[in-house]
N, C-alpha and C. Protein backbone atom coordinates (compact mmCIF):
# COMPACT_ATOMS: atom_id res chain seq x y z
N MET A 1 -121.83 34.75 130.82
CA MET A 1 -120.47 35.20 130.36
C MET A 1 -119.81 33.98 129.89
N ALA A 2 -119.01 34.09 128.88
CA ALA A 2 -118.37 32.85 127.85
C ALA A 2 -117.33 32.47 128.72
N GLU A 3 -116.98 31.06 128.70
CA GLU A 3 -115.81 30.61 129.03
C GLU A 3 -114.58 30.97 128.09
N ARG A 4 -113.48 31.10 128.81
CA ARG A 4 -112.09 31.12 128.10
C ARG A 4 -111.65 30.01 127.74
N ASP A 5 -110.97 29.87 126.44
CA ASP A 5 -110.37 28.77 125.88
C ASP A 5 -109.12 28.52 126.75
N PRO A 6 -108.82 27.38 127.15
CA PRO A 6 -107.52 27.04 127.82
C PRO A 6 -106.52 27.04 126.95
N GLN A 7 -106.71 26.86 125.53
CA GLN A 7 -105.63 26.90 124.63
C GLN A 7 -105.17 28.33 124.17
N ARG A 8 -105.96 29.16 124.72
CA ARG A 8 -105.78 30.56 124.10
C ARG A 8 -104.32 31.08 124.58
N GLY A 9 -103.38 31.65 123.35
CA GLY A 9 -102.16 32.41 123.80
C GLY A 9 -101.01 31.10 123.39
N SER A 10 -101.45 29.86 123.24
CA SER A 10 -100.30 28.82 123.30
C SER A 10 -99.61 28.91 121.69
N ALA A 11 -100.32 29.62 120.92
CA ALA A 11 -99.84 29.60 119.47
C ALA A 11 -98.46 30.20 119.61
N VAL A 12 -98.17 31.20 120.35
CA VAL A 12 -97.00 32.00 120.25
C VAL A 12 -95.80 30.99 120.79
N ALA A 13 -96.18 30.53 122.04
CA ALA A 13 -95.33 29.68 122.51
C ALA A 13 -94.87 28.37 121.72
N GLU A 14 -95.82 27.86 121.07
CA GLU A 14 -95.73 26.78 120.11
C GLU A 14 -94.78 27.24 118.85
N PHE A 15 -95.18 28.38 118.37
CA PHE A 15 -94.25 28.89 117.25
C PHE A 15 -92.74 29.05 117.44
N VAL A 16 -92.55 29.60 118.98
CA VAL A 16 -91.07 29.63 119.53
C VAL A 16 -90.30 28.28 119.37
N MET A 17 -91.04 27.40 120.05
CA MET A 17 -90.37 26.14 120.31
C MET A 17 -90.26 25.36 118.84
N VAL A 18 -91.26 25.30 118.09
CA VAL A 18 -91.03 24.58 116.75
C VAL A 18 -89.92 25.51 115.97
N SER A 19 -89.96 26.79 116.11
CA SER A 19 -88.82 27.56 115.22
C SER A 19 -87.39 27.13 115.81
N ALA A 20 -87.26 26.92 117.24
CA ALA A 20 -85.97 26.76 117.44
C ALA A 20 -85.56 25.24 117.08
N VAL A 21 -86.34 24.21 117.16
CA VAL A 21 -86.24 22.99 116.64
C VAL A 21 -85.80 23.11 115.18
N LEU A 22 -86.68 23.89 114.47
CA LEU A 22 -86.32 23.86 112.84
C LEU A 22 -84.93 24.42 112.67
N MET A 23 -84.72 25.50 113.41
CA MET A 23 -83.32 26.28 113.26
C MET A 23 -82.32 25.45 113.65
N LEU A 24 -82.29 24.51 114.66
CA LEU A 24 -81.16 23.45 115.03
C LEU A 24 -81.04 22.67 113.92
N LEU A 25 -82.20 22.15 113.30
CA LEU A 25 -82.19 21.25 112.23
C LEU A 25 -81.55 21.74 110.95
N PHE A 26 -81.89 22.92 110.53
CA PHE A 26 -81.26 23.52 109.51
C PHE A 26 -79.80 23.94 109.63
N MET A 27 -79.33 24.25 110.92
CA MET A 27 -77.91 24.60 111.09
C MET A 27 -77.16 23.21 111.17
N ALA A 28 -77.80 22.26 111.49
CA ALA A 28 -77.21 20.82 111.54
C ALA A 28 -76.82 20.61 110.02
N CYS A 29 -77.84 20.71 109.19
CA CYS A 29 -77.67 20.51 107.75
C CYS A 29 -76.79 21.22 107.05
N LEU A 30 -76.59 22.48 107.43
CA LEU A 30 -75.49 23.40 106.84
C LEU A 30 -73.91 22.79 107.41
N GLN A 31 -74.03 22.48 108.68
CA GLN A 31 -72.90 21.96 109.01
C GLN A 31 -72.40 20.52 108.39
N ILE A 32 -73.25 19.63 108.23
CA ILE A 32 -72.96 18.40 107.44
C ILE A 32 -72.61 18.92 106.05
N GLY A 33 -73.27 19.66 105.35
CA GLY A 33 -72.92 20.26 104.06
C GLY A 33 -71.37 20.62 104.03
N PHE A 34 -71.18 21.62 105.04
CA PHE A 34 -69.69 22.13 105.02
C PHE A 34 -68.50 21.25 105.27
N ALA A 35 -69.12 20.10 106.22
CA ALA A 35 -67.98 19.12 106.41
C ALA A 35 -67.72 18.21 105.21
N LEU A 36 -68.92 17.90 104.35
CA LEU A 36 -68.80 17.35 103.13
C LEU A 36 -67.91 18.13 102.25
N HIS A 37 -68.31 19.52 102.14
CA HIS A 37 -67.51 20.33 101.17
C HIS A 37 -65.85 20.24 101.45
N VAL A 38 -65.58 20.23 102.73
CA VAL A 38 -64.22 20.25 103.20
C VAL A 38 -63.58 18.81 102.65
N ARG A 39 -64.31 17.89 102.96
CA ARG A 39 -63.57 16.45 102.70
C ARG A 39 -63.51 16.36 101.09
N ASN A 40 -64.50 16.78 100.52
CA ASN A 40 -64.40 16.71 98.85
C ASN A 40 -63.45 17.70 98.36
N THR A 41 -63.32 18.86 98.88
CA THR A 41 -61.95 19.66 98.46
C THR A 41 -60.68 19.36 98.58
N VAL A 42 -60.54 18.49 100.01
CA VAL A 42 -59.32 18.05 100.27
C VAL A 42 -59.08 16.98 99.33
N GLN A 43 -60.03 15.99 99.18
CA GLN A 43 -59.74 14.87 98.28
C GLN A 43 -59.41 15.26 96.80
N ASP A 44 -59.97 16.24 96.25
CA ASP A 44 -59.57 16.77 94.84
C ASP A 44 -58.34 17.47 95.04
N ALA A 45 -57.93 18.15 95.83
CA ALA A 45 -56.68 18.71 95.95
C ALA A 45 -55.50 17.73 96.09
N SER A 46 -55.75 16.67 96.91
CA SER A 46 -54.66 15.56 97.10
C SER A 46 -54.58 15.00 95.80
N SER A 47 -55.65 14.69 95.10
CA SER A 47 -55.40 14.02 93.69
C SER A 47 -54.91 14.60 92.79
N THR A 48 -55.28 16.02 92.74
CA THR A 48 -54.78 16.98 91.65
C THR A 48 -53.19 17.18 91.89
N GLY A 49 -52.69 17.40 93.33
CA GLY A 49 -51.42 17.42 93.59
C GLY A 49 -50.48 16.31 93.29
N ALA A 50 -51.14 15.16 93.39
CA ALA A 50 -50.31 13.87 92.99
C ALA A 50 -50.22 13.83 91.61
N ARG A 51 -51.21 14.10 90.85
CA ARG A 51 -51.12 14.03 89.29
C ARG A 51 -50.00 15.15 88.77
N TYR A 52 -50.14 16.30 89.51
CA TYR A 52 -49.12 17.38 89.17
C TYR A 52 -47.74 16.79 89.43
N GLY A 53 -47.59 16.39 90.58
CA GLY A 53 -46.20 15.85 90.97
C GLY A 53 -45.78 14.56 90.41
N ALA A 54 -46.76 14.07 89.45
CA ALA A 54 -46.23 12.94 88.72
C ALA A 54 -45.65 13.21 87.34
N LEU A 55 -45.96 14.30 86.92
CA LEU A 55 -45.45 14.88 85.61
C LEU A 55 -43.98 14.86 85.60
N ARG A 56 -43.36 14.53 84.43
CA ARG A 56 -41.97 14.25 84.01
C ARG A 56 -40.97 15.42 84.60
N ASP A 57 -41.56 16.59 84.60
CA ASP A 57 -40.53 17.68 84.81
C ASP A 57 -40.98 18.23 86.19
N ARG A 58 -41.52 17.38 87.26
CA ARG A 58 -42.00 17.80 88.52
C ARG A 58 -41.51 16.70 89.38
N THR A 59 -41.48 17.27 90.84
CA THR A 59 -41.03 16.44 91.74
C THR A 59 -42.07 16.23 92.88
N PRO A 60 -42.09 15.11 93.64
CA PRO A 60 -43.34 14.93 94.75
C PRO A 60 -43.46 16.25 95.51
N GLN A 61 -42.42 16.93 95.74
CA GLN A 61 -42.55 18.26 96.43
C GLN A 61 -43.50 19.25 95.92
N ASP A 62 -43.28 19.24 94.53
CA ASP A 62 -44.09 20.29 93.72
C ASP A 62 -45.57 19.78 93.76
N GLY A 63 -45.76 18.53 93.94
CA GLY A 63 -47.23 18.11 94.10
C GLY A 63 -47.83 18.60 95.29
N ALA A 64 -46.98 18.34 96.38
CA ALA A 64 -47.35 18.63 97.88
C ALA A 64 -47.58 20.31 97.77
N GLU A 65 -46.76 20.91 97.25
CA GLU A 65 -46.91 22.57 97.21
C GLU A 65 -48.33 22.88 96.26
N ARG A 66 -48.39 22.15 95.33
CA ARG A 66 -49.49 22.38 94.37
C ARG A 66 -50.84 22.05 95.30
N THR A 67 -50.89 21.17 96.05
CA THR A 67 -51.88 20.84 97.02
C THR A 67 -52.05 21.92 98.08
N ARG A 68 -51.07 22.32 98.43
CA ARG A 68 -51.17 23.69 99.43
C ARG A 68 -51.81 24.75 98.93
N GLU A 69 -51.55 24.98 97.58
CA GLU A 69 -52.00 26.13 97.04
C GLU A 69 -53.64 25.97 96.76
N ILE A 70 -53.84 24.80 96.32
CA ILE A 70 -55.35 24.50 95.93
C ILE A 70 -56.12 24.75 97.31
N LEU A 71 -55.63 24.09 98.35
CA LEU A 71 -56.37 24.22 99.54
C LEU A 71 -56.30 25.50 100.10
N SER A 72 -55.26 26.34 99.99
CA SER A 72 -55.41 27.88 100.62
C SER A 72 -56.08 28.71 99.74
N ALA A 73 -56.47 28.39 98.53
CA ALA A 73 -57.18 29.13 97.59
C ALA A 73 -58.73 28.98 97.87
N SER A 74 -59.23 27.88 98.52
CA SER A 74 -60.50 27.40 98.73
C SER A 74 -61.00 27.25 100.00
N LEU A 75 -60.05 27.08 100.84
CA LEU A 75 -60.46 26.73 102.34
C LEU A 75 -59.46 27.53 103.13
N PRO A 76 -59.88 27.78 104.62
CA PRO A 76 -58.89 28.57 105.30
C PRO A 76 -57.55 27.91 105.48
N GLN A 77 -56.65 28.73 105.85
CA GLN A 77 -55.16 28.29 105.83
C GLN A 77 -54.96 27.25 106.85
N ARG A 78 -55.60 27.04 107.63
CA ARG A 78 -55.06 25.89 108.57
C ARG A 78 -55.46 24.50 108.17
N TYR A 79 -56.19 24.59 107.04
CA TYR A 79 -56.50 23.13 106.32
C TYR A 79 -55.48 22.73 105.45
N ALA A 80 -54.55 23.59 105.07
CA ALA A 80 -53.21 23.18 104.16
C ALA A 80 -51.95 23.18 105.03
N GLN A 81 -52.09 22.86 106.22
CA GLN A 81 -51.01 22.91 107.07
C GLN A 81 -50.09 21.53 107.16
N ASP A 82 -51.02 20.50 107.06
CA ASP A 82 -50.18 19.09 107.07
C ASP A 82 -50.54 18.37 105.71
N VAL A 83 -49.57 18.60 104.88
CA VAL A 83 -49.78 17.98 103.47
C VAL A 83 -48.25 17.29 103.30
N ARG A 84 -48.40 15.93 103.05
CA ARG A 84 -47.14 15.33 102.89
C ARG A 84 -47.12 14.58 101.62
N ALA A 85 -45.80 14.28 101.03
CA ALA A 85 -45.76 13.70 99.87
C ALA A 85 -44.84 12.52 100.13
N SER A 86 -45.11 11.09 99.33
CA SER A 86 -44.16 9.91 99.58
C SER A 86 -44.25 9.34 98.36
N VAL A 87 -43.13 8.47 98.13
CA VAL A 87 -43.35 7.72 96.88
C VAL A 87 -43.32 6.26 97.35
N THR A 88 -44.30 5.53 96.78
CA THR A 88 -44.31 4.07 97.64
C THR A 88 -44.47 3.31 96.14
N SER A 89 -44.68 2.12 96.36
CA SER A 89 -44.61 1.05 95.08
C SER A 89 -46.10 0.29 95.05
N ASP A 90 -46.43 0.08 94.01
CA ASP A 90 -47.52 -0.86 94.01
C ASP A 90 -47.28 -1.87 92.79
N GLY A 91 -46.75 -2.94 93.32
CA GLY A 91 -46.47 -3.96 92.35
C GLY A 91 -44.96 -3.52 91.80
N ALA A 92 -44.94 -3.53 90.62
CA ALA A 92 -43.87 -3.04 89.80
C ALA A 92 -43.65 -1.42 89.38
N GLN A 93 -44.88 -0.74 89.74
CA GLN A 93 -44.85 0.71 89.53
C GLN A 93 -44.65 1.45 90.85
N ARG A 94 -44.07 2.48 90.53
CA ARG A 94 -43.99 3.45 91.43
C ARG A 94 -45.10 4.62 91.61
N VAL A 95 -45.52 4.96 92.82
CA VAL A 95 -46.80 5.63 93.03
C VAL A 95 -46.44 6.70 93.81
N LEU A 96 -46.86 7.93 93.45
CA LEU A 96 -46.89 9.16 94.23
C LEU A 96 -47.98 9.31 94.95
N GLN A 97 -47.89 9.44 96.28
CA GLN A 97 -49.08 9.48 97.46
C GLN A 97 -48.87 10.90 98.09
N ILE A 98 -49.90 11.71 97.88
CA ILE A 98 -49.93 13.01 98.61
C ILE A 98 -51.03 13.02 99.62
N THR A 99 -50.71 12.97 100.99
CA THR A 99 -51.47 12.87 102.21
C THR A 99 -51.69 14.01 102.72
N VAL A 100 -53.13 14.41 103.04
CA VAL A 100 -53.60 15.71 103.76
C VAL A 100 -54.26 15.29 104.96
N ALA A 101 -53.82 15.90 105.94
CA ALA A 101 -54.74 15.61 107.33
C ALA A 101 -55.19 16.97 107.68
N THR A 102 -56.51 17.33 107.83
CA THR A 102 -57.21 18.41 108.02
C THR A 102 -58.14 18.19 109.18
N PRO A 103 -58.52 19.37 109.86
CA PRO A 103 -59.43 19.22 110.81
C PRO A 103 -60.88 18.92 110.34
N LEU A 104 -61.61 18.11 111.21
CA LEU A 104 -62.96 17.78 110.72
C LEU A 104 -63.85 19.04 111.37
N PRO A 105 -64.44 19.95 110.49
CA PRO A 105 -65.19 21.02 110.97
C PRO A 105 -66.60 20.39 111.68
N VAL A 106 -66.79 20.65 113.05
CA VAL A 106 -67.84 20.20 113.80
C VAL A 106 -68.68 21.27 114.17
N LEU A 107 -67.98 22.38 114.59
CA LEU A 107 -68.95 23.61 115.04
C LEU A 107 -68.45 24.78 114.21
N GLY A 108 -69.16 24.95 112.89
CA GLY A 108 -68.45 25.98 112.01
C GLY A 108 -67.35 25.57 111.48
N PRO A 109 -66.27 26.33 111.24
CA PRO A 109 -65.04 25.79 110.73
C PRO A 109 -64.06 25.18 111.67
N TRP A 110 -64.49 25.03 113.05
CA TRP A 110 -63.52 24.57 114.05
C TRP A 110 -63.73 23.11 114.40
N GLY A 111 -62.89 22.33 114.76
CA GLY A 111 -63.10 20.86 115.00
C GLY A 111 -61.91 20.29 115.55
N PRO A 112 -61.73 18.87 115.70
CA PRO A 112 -60.56 18.19 116.22
C PRO A 112 -59.53 18.42 115.06
N ALA A 113 -58.22 18.67 115.63
CA ALA A 113 -57.12 18.86 114.58
C ALA A 113 -56.96 17.90 113.75
N GLN A 114 -57.13 16.60 113.90
CA GLN A 114 -56.66 15.49 113.04
C GLN A 114 -57.99 14.66 112.67
N GLY A 115 -58.88 15.40 111.97
CA GLY A 115 -60.15 14.73 111.86
C GLY A 115 -60.34 14.09 110.58
N ILE A 116 -59.62 14.35 109.44
CA ILE A 116 -59.87 13.77 108.16
C ILE A 116 -58.40 13.79 107.76
N GLU A 117 -58.05 12.41 107.07
CA GLU A 117 -56.83 12.34 106.39
C GLU A 117 -57.10 11.40 105.23
N VAL A 118 -56.86 12.41 104.00
CA VAL A 118 -57.17 11.81 102.60
C VAL A 118 -55.80 11.55 101.98
N SER A 119 -55.85 10.66 100.86
CA SER A 119 -54.76 10.49 100.11
C SER A 119 -55.05 10.40 98.79
N GLY A 120 -54.22 11.28 97.92
CA GLY A 120 -54.23 11.10 96.58
C GLY A 120 -53.14 10.40 95.88
N HIS A 121 -53.44 9.60 94.92
CA HIS A 121 -52.24 8.88 94.13
C HIS A 121 -52.01 9.03 92.80
N ALA A 122 -50.94 8.97 92.18
CA ALA A 122 -50.72 8.93 90.70
C ALA A 122 -49.52 8.14 90.59
N ILE A 123 -49.47 7.43 89.30
CA ILE A 123 -48.29 6.64 88.77
C ILE A 123 -47.11 7.53 88.25
N LEU A 124 -45.97 7.24 88.87
CA LEU A 124 -44.83 7.96 88.42
C LEU A 124 -44.41 7.39 87.16
N PRO A 125 -43.81 8.15 86.15
CA PRO A 125 -43.23 7.76 84.91
C PRO A 125 -41.99 6.81 85.06
């Protein structure tokens, strides 16, 4: 009678274990990609809002509102809740600063409330 191979049947268990690790690695890469997407979108929206608010016929609040509109159009509404506009000076020039504080997406779209704070700047006329 032939002797049984002690490794027989382990391919299924090995496949399940390797698949689970690969799935976790894939999901982590997706989450990092989403977090970078949120950060880049918030950075672009704050810069665009600052440039919009620095136009001659606009106010800093118009820039903050424009930032909220851009964020609401591309991310969930809660990412556009904390948008602030302020006028600062950099030497002899006045600068419009739009600051956005958003959650850092850690697990899907959820994460700590004050995870990322990004500012966009534009020189006022």
